[in-house]
Amino acid sequence: MFRIVIVGSGVVGQATGKGLAKKGHNITFVDINPQTIAKLRGEGLNAMTIGEVDWNAVDLVMLAVSTPSVDGKIVLDYIESAAWDVGRGLATTSNYITVVVRSTVPPTTTEERITPILEQASGKRAGHDFGVAMNPEFLRAVSNEQDFARPWITVLGTTDPRTREVLDTLYKPFGALIVHCTPTEAEMIKYVNNVYNAVKISYFNEVYAICQKLGIDGHLVGAAVARSAESMWNPLYGTRGGVPYGGACLPKDTVAFMQFVRERGWEHLMLEATIAVNEKLEQSVPAVPSPDKIDAVLQAVNARGTAAQPEDLAAEVGRSTPIVL
């Protein structure tokens, strides 16, 4: 079992620490707020300031510090400050400690900002003297502890085998699919996950508004689409980027429905953007008639370069053997 310090004892930090404690790990909560520390102690949990941590009794640190957005820009001051504190703690021990970023941070943050801070503050080398990883959380605010206990996926962004092994040992007992990747890929997965949810909500909000104008049941339409659209029941549909959509239905139906909306003086901003993105990509890459042609198209594009004409690439793809997903 691991001796784990949770730095940042808000919603994510508490769900993480309590969930790991139930698996038998020794958990210490760290926070700068005296009221949070007192509350956790009142629950019988070990809580303190970071200055009170015994770094000789630590195996793993979870950075779950708040990363708020102010005027549209993410604030990394708090997690960077926490990284300095952890780095100074690393300097006081010979333990190989794994430092895990749990906070939501923009891609490249762990490798380009947090790791250098840890190295500078500790005078040690990441991957040699201590481990660094990015492990994004997928917790809903209303059910965070339950979500941690029963994850549907665990993403581990690491760059060295020792850190990967430590985190595999930590998370395998939870039974979820484990995705191994780099820290930057892990950060990207977290953001794209949230943005995709937002895009889906905005799309169906626009659909609902159009249904209201037509005097029909938008909830019925949404529920039926959730059962009928391949992109809803096939989680991999449409997730292979780099190639525009094609086939018999999507090009004509997107344009036709956009025209239907425009003729009535209504808006469908999501659809306008969808068509524009596809048309821009079609200028350099041919559309695919079906998902099983994606690999062949990408292979042809890489072989010929994006300067090649789409029709030439399409002809080459026609002579290729597609790789079925």
C-alpha atoms as a PDB file:
ATOM      1  CA  MET A   1       0.000   0.000   0.000  1.00  0.00           C
ATOM      2  CA  PHE A   2       1.140   3.533  -0.758  1.00  0.00           C
ATOM      3  CA  ARG A   3       1.611   6.510   1.530  1.00  0.00           C
ATOM      4  CA  ILE A   4      -0.139   9.254  -0.432  1.00  0.00           C
ATOM      5  CA  VAL A   5      -0.297  13.015   0.086  1.00  0.00           C
ATOM      6  CA  ILE A   6      -3.247  14.827  -1.504  1.00  0.00           C
ATOM      7  CA  VAL A   7      -2.285  18.467  -2.129  1.00  0.00           C
ATOM      8  CA  GLY A   8      -5.492  20.442  -2.533  1.00  0.00           C
ATOM      9  CA  SER A   9      -8.409  19.046  -0.543  1.00  0.00           C
ATOM     10  CA  GLY A  10     -11.388  20.328  -2.494  1.00  0.00           C
ATOM     11  CA  VAL A  11     -13.949  18.174  -4.300  1.00  0.00           C
ATOM     12  CA  VAL A  12     -11.426  16.347  -6.492  1.00  0.00           C
ATOM     13  CA  GLY A  13      -8.818  15.986  -3.777  1.00  0.00           C
ATOM     14  CA  GLN A  14     -11.274  14.621  -1.205  1.00  0.00           C
ATOM     15  CA  ALA A  15     -12.907  12.205  -3.647  1.00  0.00           C
ATOM     16  CA  THR A  16      -9.467  10.967  -4.691  1.00  0.00           C
ATOM     17  CA  GLY A  17      -8.097  10.631  -1.174  1.00  0.00           C
ATOM     18  CA  LYS A  18     -11.187   9.005   0.315  1.00  0.00           C
ATOM     19  CA  GLY A  19     -11.448   6.609  -2.604  1.00  0.00           C
ATOM     20  CA  LEU A  20      -7.818   5.545  -2.277  1.00  0.00           C
ATOM     21  CA  ALA A  21      -8.156   5.217   1.498  1.00  0.00           C
ATOM     22  CA  LYS A  22     -10.928   2.669   0.976  1.00  0.00           C
ATOM     23  CA  LYS A  23      -8.421   0.563  -0.975  1.00  0.00           C
ATOM     24  CA  GLY A  24      -6.147   0.515   2.073  1.00  0.00           C
ATOM     25  CA  HIS A  25      -3.713   3.319   1.203  1.00  0.00           C
ATOM     26  CA  ASN A  26      -2.404   5.694   3.870  1.00  0.00           C
ATOM     27  CA  ILE A  27      -3.771   9.130   2.967  1.00  0.00           C
ATOM     28  CA  THR A  28      -2.701  12.578   4.146  1.00  0.00           C
ATOM     29  CA  PHE A  29      -4.746  15.571   3.046  1.00  0.00           C
ATOM     30  CA  VAL A  30      -2.938  18.901   2.598  1.00  0.00           C
ATOM     31  CA  ASP A  31      -4.622  22.271   2.262  1.00  0.00           C
ATOM     32  CA  ILE A  32      -3.958  25.956   2.950  1.00  0.00           C
ATOM     33  CA  ASN A  33      -7.435  26.541   4.403  1.00  0.00           C
ATOM     34  CA  PRO A  34      -7.547  25.958   8.205  1.00  0.00           C
ATOM     35  CA  GLN A  35     -11.300  25.321   8.048  1.00  0.00           C
ATOM     36  CA  THR A  36     -10.839  22.551   5.461  1.00  0.00           C
ATOM     37  CA  ILE A  37      -8.121  20.959   7.601  1.00  0.00           C
ATOM     38  CA  ALA A  38     -10.309  21.147  10.702  1.00  0.00           C
ATOM     39  CA  LYS A  39     -13.283  19.662   8.847  1.00  0.00           C
ATOM     40  CA  LEU A  40     -11.249  16.711   7.567  1.00  0.00           C
ATOM     41  CA  ARG A  41      -9.762  16.099  11.012  1.00  0.00           C
ATOM     42  CA  GLY A  42     -13.282  16.177  12.408  1.00  0.00           C
ATOM     43  CA  GLU A  43     -14.108  13.320  10.053  1.00  0.00           C
ATOM     44  CA  GLY A  44     -11.223  11.317  11.500  1.00  0.00           C
ATOM     45  CA  LEU A  45      -8.945  11.931   8.518  1.00  0.00           C
ATOM     46  CA  ASN A  46      -5.285  12.925   8.557  1.00  0.00           C
ATOM     47  CA  ALA A  47      -5.025  16.557   7.392  1.00  0.00           C
ATOM     48  CA  MET A  48      -2.357  19.242   7.693  1.00  0.00           C
ATOM     49  CA  THR A  49      -0.503  22.079   5.968  1.00  0.00           C
ATOM     50  CA  ILE A  50       2.253  21.180   3.526  1.00  0.00           C
ATOM     51  CA  GLY A  51       4.887  22.424   5.964  1.00  0.00           C
ATOM     52  CA  GLU A  52       3.906  19.631   8.360  1.00  0.00           C
ATOM     53  CA  VAL A  53       4.415  16.788   5.868  1.00  0.00           C
ATOM     54  CA  ASP A  54       7.094  14.208   6.697  1.00  0.00           C
ATOM     55  CA  TRP A  55       8.545  13.639   3.230  1.00  0.00           C
ATOM     56  CA  ASN A  56      10.389  10.544   4.388  1.00  0.00           C
ATOM     57  CA  ALA A  57       6.976   8.925   4.851  1.00  0.00           C
ATOM     58  CA  VAL A  58       5.624   9.695   1.354  1.00  0.00           C
ATOM     59  CA  ASP A  59       5.471   7.487  -1.745  1.00  0.00           C
ATOM     60  CA  LEU A  60       3.128   9.455  -3.946  1.00  0.00           C
ATOM     61  CA  VAL A  61       1.766  13.005  -4.206  1.00  0.00           C
ATOM     62  CA  MET A  62      -1.494  13.961  -5.920  1.00  0.00           C
ATOM     63  CA  LEU A  63      -1.727  17.603  -7.038  1.00  0.00           C
ATOM     64  CA  ALA A  64      -5.452  18.390  -6.965  1.00  0.00           C
ATOM     65  CA  VAL A  65      -5.149  22.151  -6.628  1.00  0.00           C
ATOM     66  CA  SER A  66      -7.756  24.481  -8.118  1.00  0.00           C
ATOM     67  CA  THR A  67      -7.023  25.818 -11.622  1.00  0.00           C
ATOM     68  CA  PRO A  68      -9.722  28.472 -12.083  1.00  0.00           C
ATOM     69  CA  SER A  69     -10.402  30.476 -15.217  1.00  0.00           C
ATOM     70  CA  VAL A  70     -10.302  34.278 -14.993  1.00  0.00           C
ATOM     71  CA  ASP A  71     -11.348  36.408 -17.976  1.00  0.00           C
ATOM     72  CA  GLY A  72     -11.183  33.316 -20.169  1.00  0.00           C
ATOM     73  CA  LYS A  73      -7.619  32.440 -19.180  1.00  0.00           C
ATOM     74  CA  ILE A  74      -6.701  29.547 -16.898  1.00  0.00           C
ATOM     75  CA  VAL A  75      -4.841  30.472 -13.725  1.00  0.00           C
ATOM     76  CA  LEU A  76      -1.929  28.143 -12.956  1.00  0.00           C
ATOM     77  CA  ASP A  77      -0.539  30.169 -10.046  1.00  0.00           C
ATOM     78  CA  TYR A  78      -1.958  27.849  -7.385  1.00  0.00           C
ATOM     79  CA  ILE A  79      -0.746  24.584  -8.877  1.00  0.00           C
ATOM     80  CA  GLU A  80       2.653  26.087  -9.672  1.00  0.00           C
ATOM     81  CA  SER A  81       2.949  27.294  -6.082  1.00  0.00           C
ATOM     82  CA  ALA A  82       2.017  23.810  -4.877  1.00  0.00           C
ATOM     83  CA  ALA A  83       4.629  22.317  -7.216  1.00  0.00           C
ATOM     84  CA  TRP A  84       7.303  24.553  -5.664  1.00  0.00           C
ATOM     85  CA  ASP A  85       6.276  23.358  -2.202  1.00  0.00           C
ATOM     86  CA  VAL A  86       6.339  19.715  -3.280  1.00  0.00           C
ATOM     87  CA  GLY A  87       9.701  20.211  -5.000  1.00  0.00           C
ATOM     88  CA  ARG A  88      11.183  21.611  -1.794  1.00  0.00           C
ATOM     89  CA  GLY A  89       9.806  18.574  -0.002  1.00  0.00           C
ATOM     90  CA  LEU A  90      11.439  16.241  -2.532  1.00  0.00           C
ATOM     91  CA  ALA A  91      14.769  17.888  -1.747  1.00  0.00           C
ATOM     92  CA  THR A  92      14.565  16.722   1.874  1.00  0.00           C
ATOM     93  CA  THR A  93      14.245  12.983   1.246  1.00  0.00           C
ATOM     94  CA  SER A  94      15.956  10.152  -0.599  1.00  0.00           C
ATOM     95  CA  ASN A  95      12.571   8.523  -1.302  1.00  0.00           C
ATOM     96  CA  TYR A  96      11.552   8.044  -4.923  1.00  0.00           C
ATOM     97  CA  ILE A  97       8.258   9.944  -4.861  1.00  0.00           C
ATOM     98  CA  THR A  98       5.793   9.958  -7.738  1.00  0.00           C
ATOM     99  CA  VAL A  99       4.130  13.348  -8.312  1.00  0.00           C
ATOM    100  CA  VAL A 100       0.788  13.122 -10.096  1.00  0.00           C
ATOM    101  CA  VAL A 101      -1.094  16.089 -11.573  1.00  0.00           C
ATOM    102  CA  ARG A 102      -4.845  15.590 -11.059  1.00  0.00           C
ATOM    103  CA  SER A 103      -5.858  19.192 -11.720  1.00  0.00           C
ATOM    104  CA  THR A 104      -7.251  20.114 -15.128  1.00  0.00           C
ATOM    105  CA  VAL A 105      -4.459  21.948 -16.941  1.00  0.00           C
ATOM    106  CA  PRO A 106      -3.853  22.937 -20.582  1.00  0.00           C
ATOM    107  CA  PRO A 107      -1.851  20.542 -22.770  1.00  0.00           C
ATOM    108  CA  THR A 108       1.955  20.685 -22.169  1.00  0.00           C
ATOM    109  CA  THR A 109       1.540  22.080 -18.608  1.00  0.00           C
ATOM    110  CA  THR A 110       2.825  18.985 -16.786  1.00  0.00           C
ATOM    111  CA  GLU A 111       5.895  18.545 -18.987  1.00  0.00           C
ATOM    112  CA  GLU A 112       6.742  22.177 -19.689  1.00  0.00           C
ATOM    113  CA  ARG A 113       5.786  23.937 -16.449  1.00  0.00           C
ATOM    114  CA  ILE A 114       5.215  21.585 -13.513  1.00  0.00           C
ATOM    115  CA  THR A 115       8.156  19.233 -14.137  1.00  0.00           C
ATOM    116  CA  PRO A 116      10.743  22.054 -14.476  1.00  0.00           C
ATOM    117  CA  ILE A 117       9.453  23.599 -11.236  1.00  0.00           C
ATOM    118  CA  LEU A 118       9.781  20.271  -9.408  1.00  0.00           C
ATOM    119  CA  GLU A 119      13.305  19.809 -10.755  1.00  0.00           C
ATOM    120  CA  GLN A 120      14.415  23.336  -9.911  1.00  0.00           C
ATOM    121  CA  ALA A 121      12.925  23.293  -6.412  1.00  0.00           C
ATOM    122  CA  SER A 122      14.272  19.842  -5.561  1.00  0.00           C
ATOM    123  CA  GLY A 123      17.598  19.895  -7.385  1.00  0.00           C
ATOM    124  CA  LYS A 124      16.663  16.456  -8.731  1.00  0.00           C
ATOM    125  CA  ARG A 125      15.833  14.940 -12.108  1.00  0.00           C
ATOM    126  CA  ALA A 126      12.370  13.775 -13.133  1.00  0.00           C
ATOM    127  CA  GLY A 127      12.316  10.147 -14.217  1.00  0.00           C
ATOM    128  CA  HIS A 128      15.515   9.472 -12.302  1.00  0.00           C
ATOM    129  CA  ASP A 129      15.064  10.790  -8.758  1.00  0.00           C
ATOM    130  CA  PHE A 130      11.287  11.183  -8.755  1.00  0.00           C
ATOM    131  CA  GLY A 131       8.364  10.382 -11.042  1.00  0.00           C
ATOM    132  CA  VAL A 132       5.913  12.726 -12.759  1.00  0.00           C
ATOM    133  CA  ALA A 133       2.554  11.846 -14.259  1.00  0.00           C
ATOM    134  CA  MET A 134      -0.708  13.384 -15.403  1.00  0.00           C
ATOM    135  CA  ASN A 135      -3.855  11.550 -14.284  1.00  0.00           C
ATOM    136  CA  PRO A 136      -6.974  13.569 -15.189  1.00  0.00           C
ATOM    137  CA  GLU A 137     -10.176  13.146 -13.227  1.00  0.00           C
ATOM    138  CA  PHE A 138     -13.580  12.439 -14.759  1.00  0.00           C
ATOM    139  CA  LEU A 139     -15.704  13.135 -11.700  1.00  0.00           C
ATOM    140  CA  ARG A 140     -19.165  14.647 -11.709  1.00  0.00           C
ATOM    141  CA  ALA A 141     -19.735  17.205  -8.944  1.00  0.00           C
ATOM    142  CA  VAL A 142     -22.922  15.534  -7.702  1.00  0.00           C
ATOM    143  CA  SER A 143     -21.446  12.006  -7.535  1.00  0.00           C
ATOM    144  CA  ASN A 144     -17.682  12.515  -7.260  1.00  0.00           C
ATOM    145  CA  GLU A 145     -16.968   9.858  -4.633  1.00  0.00           C
ATOM    146  CA  GLN A 146     -19.097   7.247  -6.401  1.00  0.00           C
ATOM    147  CA  ASP A 147     -17.466   8.095  -9.747  1.00  0.00           C
ATOM    148  CA  PHE A 148     -13.990   7.661  -8.276  1.00  0.00           C
ATOM    149  CA  ALA A 149     -14.951   4.309  -6.760  1.00  0.00           C
ATOM    150  CA  ARG A 150     -16.422   3.068 -10.065  1.00  0.00           C
ATOM    151  CA  PRO A 151     -14.476   4.745 -12.895  1.00  0.00           C
ATOM    152  CA  TRP A 152     -15.355   4.049 -16.528  1.00  0.00           C
ATOM    153  CA  ILE A 153     -11.801   4.891 -17.644  1.00  0.00           C
ATOM    154  CA  THR A 154      -8.419   5.686 -16.069  1.00  0.00           C
ATOM    155  CA  VAL A 155      -5.962   7.786 -18.078  1.00  0.00           C
ATOM    156  CA  LEU A 156      -2.301   7.620 -17.051  1.00  0.00           C
ATOM    157  CA  GLY A 157       0.050  10.083 -18.728  1.00  0.00           C
ATOM    158  CA  THR A 158       3.624   9.052 -17.973  1.00  0.00           C
ATOM    159  CA  THR A 159       7.072   9.243 -19.556  1.00  0.00           C
ATOM    160  CA  ASP A 160       9.032   6.632 -17.585  1.00  0.00           C
ATOM    161  CA  PRO A 161       8.358   2.936 -16.872  1.00  0.00           C
ATOM    162  CA  ARG A 162       8.787   3.174 -13.102  1.00  0.00           C
ATOM    163  CA  THR A 163       6.064   5.792 -12.777  1.00  0.00           C
ATOM    164  CA  ARG A 164       3.802   3.815 -15.075  1.00  0.00           C
ATOM    165  CA  GLU A 165       4.269   0.701 -12.934  1.00  0.00           C
ATOM    166  CA  VAL A 166       3.465   2.609  -9.720  1.00  0.00           C
ATOM    167  CA  LEU A 167       0.232   4.006 -11.143  1.00  0.00           C
ATOM    168  CA  ASP A 168      -0.778   0.685 -12.682  1.00  0.00           C
ATOM    169  CA  THR A 169      -0.476  -0.871  -9.225  1.00  0.00           C
ATOM    170  CA  LEU A 170      -2.507   1.989  -7.730  1.00  0.00           C
ATOM    171  CA  TYR A 171      -5.392   1.875 -10.206  1.00  0.00           C
ATOM    172  CA  LYS A 172      -5.741  -1.740 -11.370  1.00  0.00           C
ATOM    173  CA  PRO A 173      -7.842  -2.691  -8.317  1.00  0.00           C
ATOM    174  CA  PHE A 174     -10.543  -0.269  -9.532  1.00  0.00           C
ATOM    175  CA  GLY A 175     -11.122  -2.466 -12.584  1.00  0.00           C
ATOM    176  CA  ALA A 176     -11.550   0.248 -15.226  1.00  0.00           C
ATOM    177  CA  LEU A 177      -9.948   0.396 -18.663  1.00  0.00           C
ATOM    178  CA  ILE A 178      -6.466   1.940 -18.263  1.00  0.00           C
ATOM    179  CA  VAL A 179      -5.225   4.137 -21.101  1.00  0.00           C
ATOM    180  CA  HIS A 180      -1.471   4.735 -21.164  1.00  0.00           C
ATOM    181  CA  CYS A 181      -0.226   7.874 -22.913  1.00  0.00           C
ATOM    182  CA  THR A 182       2.056  10.879 -22.461  1.00  0.00           C
ATOM    183  CA  PRO A 183       1.221  13.618 -19.930  1.00  0.00           C
ATOM    184  CA  THR A 184       0.338  16.024 -22.754  1.00  0.00           C
ATOM    185  CA  GLU A 185      -1.993  13.467 -24.327  1.00  0.00           C
ATOM    186  CA  ALA A 186      -3.632  12.947 -20.928  1.00  0.00           C
ATOM    187  CA  GLU A 187      -4.174  16.702 -20.557  1.00  0.00           C
ATOM    188  CA  MET A 188      -5.633  16.849 -24.067  1.00  0.00           C
ATOM    189  CA  ILE A 189      -7.971  13.932 -23.366  1.00  0.00           C
ATOM    190  CA  LYS A 190      -9.392  15.755 -20.349  1.00  0.00           C
ATOM    191  CA  TYR A 191     -10.057  19.001 -22.210  1.00  0.00           C
ATOM    192  CA  VAL A 192     -11.486  17.312 -25.304  1.00  0.00           C
ATOM    193  CA  ASN A 193     -13.709  15.220 -23.043  1.00  0.00           C
ATOM    194  CA  ASN A 194     -15.254  18.314 -21.472  1.00  0.00           C
ATOM    195  CA  VAL A 195     -15.403  20.320 -24.700  1.00  0.00           C
ATOM    196  CA  TYR A 196     -17.101  17.433 -26.510  1.00  0.00           C
ATOM    197  CA  ASN A 197     -19.768  17.334 -23.798  1.00  0.00           C
ATOM    198  CA  ALA A 198     -20.291  21.075 -24.216  1.00  0.00           C
ATOM    199  CA  VAL A 199     -20.475  20.791 -28.016  1.00  0.00           C
ATOM    200  CA  LYS A 200     -23.081  18.029 -27.775  1.00  0.00           C
ATOM    201  CA  ILE A 201     -25.192  20.082 -25.371  1.00  0.00           C
ATOM    202  CA  SER A 202     -24.992  23.182 -27.572  1.00  0.00           C
ATOM    203  CA  TYR A 203     -25.896  21.176 -30.676  1.00  0.00           C
ATOM    204  CA  PHE A 204     -29.035  19.729 -29.117  1.00  0.00           C
ATOM    205  CA  ASN A 205     -29.943  23.132 -27.688  1.00  0.00           C
ATOM    206  CA  GLU A 206     -29.964  24.469 -31.250  1.00  0.00           C
ATOM    207  CA  VAL A 207     -31.988  21.474 -32.407  1.00  0.00           C
ATOM    208  CA  TYR A 208     -34.447  22.045 -29.569  1.00  0.00           C
ATOM    209  CA  ALA A 209     -34.867  25.708 -30.575  1.00  0.00           C
ATOM    210  CA  ILE A 210     -35.574  24.725 -34.197  1.00  0.00           C
ATOM    211  CA  CYS A 211     -38.082  22.094 -33.040  1.00  0.00           C
ATOM    212  CA  GLN A 212     -39.882  24.711 -30.955  1.00  0.00           C
ATOM    213  CA  LYS A 213     -40.169  26.968 -34.006  1.00  0.00           C
ATOM    214  CA  LEU A 214     -41.645  24.052 -35.944  1.00  0.00           C
ATOM    215  CA  GLY A 215     -44.057  23.275 -33.125  1.00  0.00           C
ATOM    216  CA  ILE A 216     -42.720  19.746 -32.570  1.00  0.00           C
ATOM    217  CA  ASP A 217     -41.354  17.876 -29.552  1.00  0.00           C
ATOM    218  CA  GLY A 218     -37.595  18.558 -29.332  1.00  0.00           C
ATOM    219  CA  HIS A 219     -37.190  16.104 -26.456  1.00  0.00           C
ATOM    220  CA  LEU A 220     -38.690  13.326 -28.572  1.00  0.00           C
ATOM    221  CA  VAL A 221     -36.346  14.165 -31.449  1.00  0.00           C
ATOM    222  CA  GLY A 222     -33.280  14.149 -29.189  1.00  0.00           C
ATOM    223  CA  ALA A 223     -34.231  10.878 -27.517  1.00  0.00           C
ATOM    224  CA  ALA A 224     -34.870   9.162 -30.858  1.00  0.00           C
ATOM    225  CA  VAL A 225     -31.561  10.402 -32.290  1.00  0.00           C
ATOM    226  CA  ALA A 226     -29.770   9.020 -29.235  1.00  0.00           C
ATOM    227  CA  ARG A 227     -31.040   5.576 -30.278  1.00  0.00           C
ATOM    228  CA  SER A 228     -30.763   5.915 -34.054  1.00  0.00           C
ATOM    229  CA  ALA A 229     -27.576   7.880 -34.879  1.00  0.00           C
ATOM    230  CA  GLU A 230     -24.471   5.722 -35.225  1.00  0.00           C
ATOM    231  CA  SER A 231     -22.406   8.418 -33.519  1.00  0.00           C
ATOM    232  CA  MET A 232     -24.548   7.942 -30.405  1.00  0.00           C
ATOM    233  CA  TRP A 233     -24.442   4.154 -30.021  1.00  0.00           C
ATOM    234  CA  ASN A 234     -21.004   3.567 -31.559  1.00  0.00           C
ATOM    235  CA  PRO A 235     -18.519   5.452 -29.342  1.00  0.00           C
ATOM    236  CA  LEU A 236     -15.712   5.277 -31.930  1.00  0.00           C
ATOM    237  CA  TYR A 237     -17.757   6.686 -34.814  1.00  0.00           C
ATOM    238  CA  GLY A 238     -16.357   9.996 -36.009  1.00  0.00           C
ATOM    239  CA  THR A 239     -13.418  10.048 -33.593  1.00  0.00           C
ATOM    240  CA  ARG A 240     -10.744   9.343 -36.225  1.00  0.00           C
ATOM    241  CA  GLY A 241      -9.660  12.858 -37.165  1.00  0.00           C
ATOM    242  CA  GLY A 242      -7.860  14.082 -40.278  1.00  0.00           C
ATOM    243  CA  VAL A 243     -10.381  13.196 -42.979  1.00  0.00           C
ATOM    244  CA  PRO A 244     -13.616  15.014 -43.977  1.00  0.00           C
ATOM    245  CA  TYR A 245     -16.950  13.223 -43.939  1.00  0.00           C
ATOM    246  CA  GLY A 246     -18.324  11.907 -47.228  1.00  0.00           C
ATOM    247  CA  GLY A 247     -20.635   9.152 -48.363  1.00  0.00           C
ATOM    248  CA  ALA A 248     -24.141   9.338 -49.743  1.00  0.00           C
ATOM    249  CA  CYS A 249     -25.903  11.062 -46.838  1.00  0.00           C
ATOM    250  CA  LEU A 250     -23.787  13.413 -44.749  1.00  0.00           C
ATOM    251  CA  PRO A 251     -22.663  15.934 -47.420  1.00  0.00           C
ATOM    252  CA  LYS A 252     -26.100  16.381 -48.985  1.00  0.00           C
ATOM    253  CA  ASP A 253     -28.140  16.239 -45.782  1.00  0.00           C
ATOM    254  CA  THR A 254     -26.026  18.754 -43.856  1.00  0.00           C
ATOM    255  CA  VAL A 255     -26.265  21.266 -46.710  1.00  0.00           C
ATOM    256  CA  ALA A 256     -29.971  20.601 -47.272  1.00  0.00           C
ATOM    257  CA  PHE A 257     -30.892  21.032 -43.622  1.00  0.00           C
ATOM    258  CA  MET A 258     -28.788  24.198 -43.412  1.00  0.00           C
ATOM    259  CA  GLN A 259     -30.702  25.585 -46.397  1.00  0.00           C
ATOM    260  CA  PHE A 260     -34.016  24.598 -44.781  1.00  0.00           C
ATOM    261  CA  VAL A 261     -33.097  26.573 -41.652  1.00  0.00           C
ATOM    262  CA  ARG A 262     -31.806  29.610 -43.554  1.00  0.00           C
ATOM    263  CA  GLU A 263     -34.931  29.866 -45.731  1.00  0.00           C
ATOM    264  CA  ARG A 264     -36.954  30.379 -42.574  1.00  0.00           C
ATOM    265  CA  GLY A 265     -34.590  33.016 -41.208  1.00  0.00           C
ATOM    266  CA  TRP A 266     -33.429  30.833 -38.329  1.00  0.00           C
ATOM    267  CA  GLU A 267     -29.926  30.055 -37.018  1.00  0.00           C
ATOM    268  CA  HIS A 268     -27.976  26.828 -36.732  1.00  0.00           C
ATOM    269  CA  LEU A 269     -24.478  27.971 -35.789  1.00  0.00           C
ATOM    270  CA  MET A 270     -23.190  24.488 -34.979  1.00  0.00           C
ATOM    271  CA  LEU A 271     -24.176  23.173 -38.392  1.00  0.00           C
ATOM    272  CA  GLU A 272     -22.672  26.185 -40.170  1.00  0.00           C
ATOM    273  CA  ALA A 273     -19.364  25.564 -38.413  1.00  0.00           C
ATOM    274  CA  THR A 274     -19.563  21.834 -39.174  1.00  0.00           C
ATOM    275  CA  ILE A 275     -19.986  22.414 -42.893  1.00  0.00           C
ATOM    276  CA  ALA A 276     -17.253  25.071 -42.939  1.00  0.00           C
ATOM    277  CA  VAL A 277     -14.737  22.772 -41.192  1.00  0.00           C
ATOM    278  CA  ASN A 278     -15.505  19.950 -43.601  1.00  0.00           C
ATOM    279  CA  GLU A 279     -15.226  22.156 -46.699  1.00  0.00           C
ATOM    280  CA  LYS A 280     -11.884  23.546 -45.535  1.00  0.00           C
ATOM    281  CA  LEU A 281     -10.472  20.059 -44.970  1.00  0.00           C
ATOM    282  CA  GLU A 282     -11.760  18.906 -48.369  1.00  0.00           C
ATOM    283  CA  GLN A 283      -9.417  21.411 -50.005  1.00  0.00           C
ATOM    284  CA  SER A 284      -6.465  19.155 -49.132  1.00  0.00           C
ATOM    285  CA  VAL A 285      -7.890  15.748 -48.211  1.00  0.00           C
ATOM    286  CA  PRO A 286     -10.585  13.748 -50.026  1.00  0.00           C
ATOM    287  CA  ALA A 287     -13.759  12.875 -48.166  1.00  0.00           C
ATOM    288  CA  VAL A 288     -14.261   9.253 -47.165  1.00  0.00           C
ATOM    289  CA  PRO A 289     -17.357   7.289 -48.208  1.00  0.00           C
ATOM    290  CA  SER A 290     -17.167   5.183 -45.039  1.00  0.00           C
ATOM    291  CA  PRO A 291     -15.073   4.981 -41.843  1.00  0.00           C
ATOM    292  CA  ASP A 292     -13.181   1.893 -43.027  1.00  0.00           C
ATOM    293  CA  LYS A 293     -11.494   4.036 -45.702  1.00  0.00           C
ATOM    294  CA  ILE A 294      -9.915   6.477 -43.234  1.00  0.00           C
ATOM    295  CA  ASP A 295      -6.587   4.668 -42.887  1.00  0.00           C
ATOM    296  CA  ALA A 296      -6.171   4.428 -46.647  1.00  0.00           C
ATOM    297  CA  VAL A 297      -6.872   8.139 -47.089  1.00  0.00           C
ATOM    298  CA  LEU A 298      -4.432   9.158 -44.363  1.00  0.00           C
ATOM    299  CA  GLN A 299      -1.748   6.856 -45.766  1.00  0.00           C
ATOM    300  CA  ALA A 300      -2.184   8.428 -49.203  1.00  0.00           C
ATOM    301  CA  VAL A 301      -2.073  11.963 -47.783  1.00  0.00           C
ATOM    302  CA  ASN A 302       1.109  11.206 -45.846  1.00  0.00           C
ATOM    303  CA  ALA A 303       2.707   9.584 -48.870  1.00  0.00           C
ATOM    304  CA  ARG A 304       1.848  12.365 -51.321  1.00  0.00           C
ATOM    305  CA  GLY A 305       1.801  15.375 -48.977  1.00  0.00           C
ATOM    306  CA  THR A 306      -1.123  17.733 -48.414  1.00  0.00           C
ATOM    307  CA  ALA A 307      -0.133  19.780 -51.458  1.00  0.00           C
ATOM    308  CA  ALA A 308      -1.467  17.017 -53.691  1.00  0.00           C
ATOM    309  CA  GLN A 309      -4.900  17.599 -55.215  1.00  0.00           C
ATOM    310  CA  PRO A 310      -7.793  15.885 -53.414  1.00  0.00           C
ATOM    311  CA  GLU A 311      -8.953  14.190 -56.617  1.00  0.00           C
ATOM    312  CA  ASP A 312      -5.485  12.682 -57.134  1.00  0.00           C
ATOM    313  CA  LEU A 313      -5.441  11.415 -53.576  1.00  0.00           C
ATOM    314  CA  ALA A 314      -8.926  10.011 -53.990  1.00  0.00           C
ATOM    315  CA  ALA A 315      -7.794   8.061 -57.036  1.00  0.00           C
ATOM    316  CA  GLU A 316      -4.841   6.689 -55.121  1.00  0.00           C
ATOM    317  CA  VAL A 317      -7.088   5.705 -52.225  1.00  0.00           C
ATOM    318  CA  GLY A 318      -9.314   3.867 -54.667  1.00  0.00           C
ATOM    319  CA  ARG A 319      -6.353   1.634 -55.549  1.00  0.00           C
ATOM    320  CA  SER A 320      -5.485   1.029 -51.892  1.00  0.00           C
ATOM    321  CA  THR A 321      -6.656  -1.716 -49.602  1.00  0.00           C
ATOM    322  CA  PRO A 322      -8.524  -0.069 -46.728  1.00  0.00           C
ATOM    323  CA  ILE A 323      -7.782  -1.076 -43.174  1.00  0.00           C
ATOM    324  CA  VAL A 324     -11.017  -1.852 -41.356  1.00  0.00           C
ATOM    325  CA  LEU A 325     -11.210  -0.426 -37.837  1.00  0.00           C
END
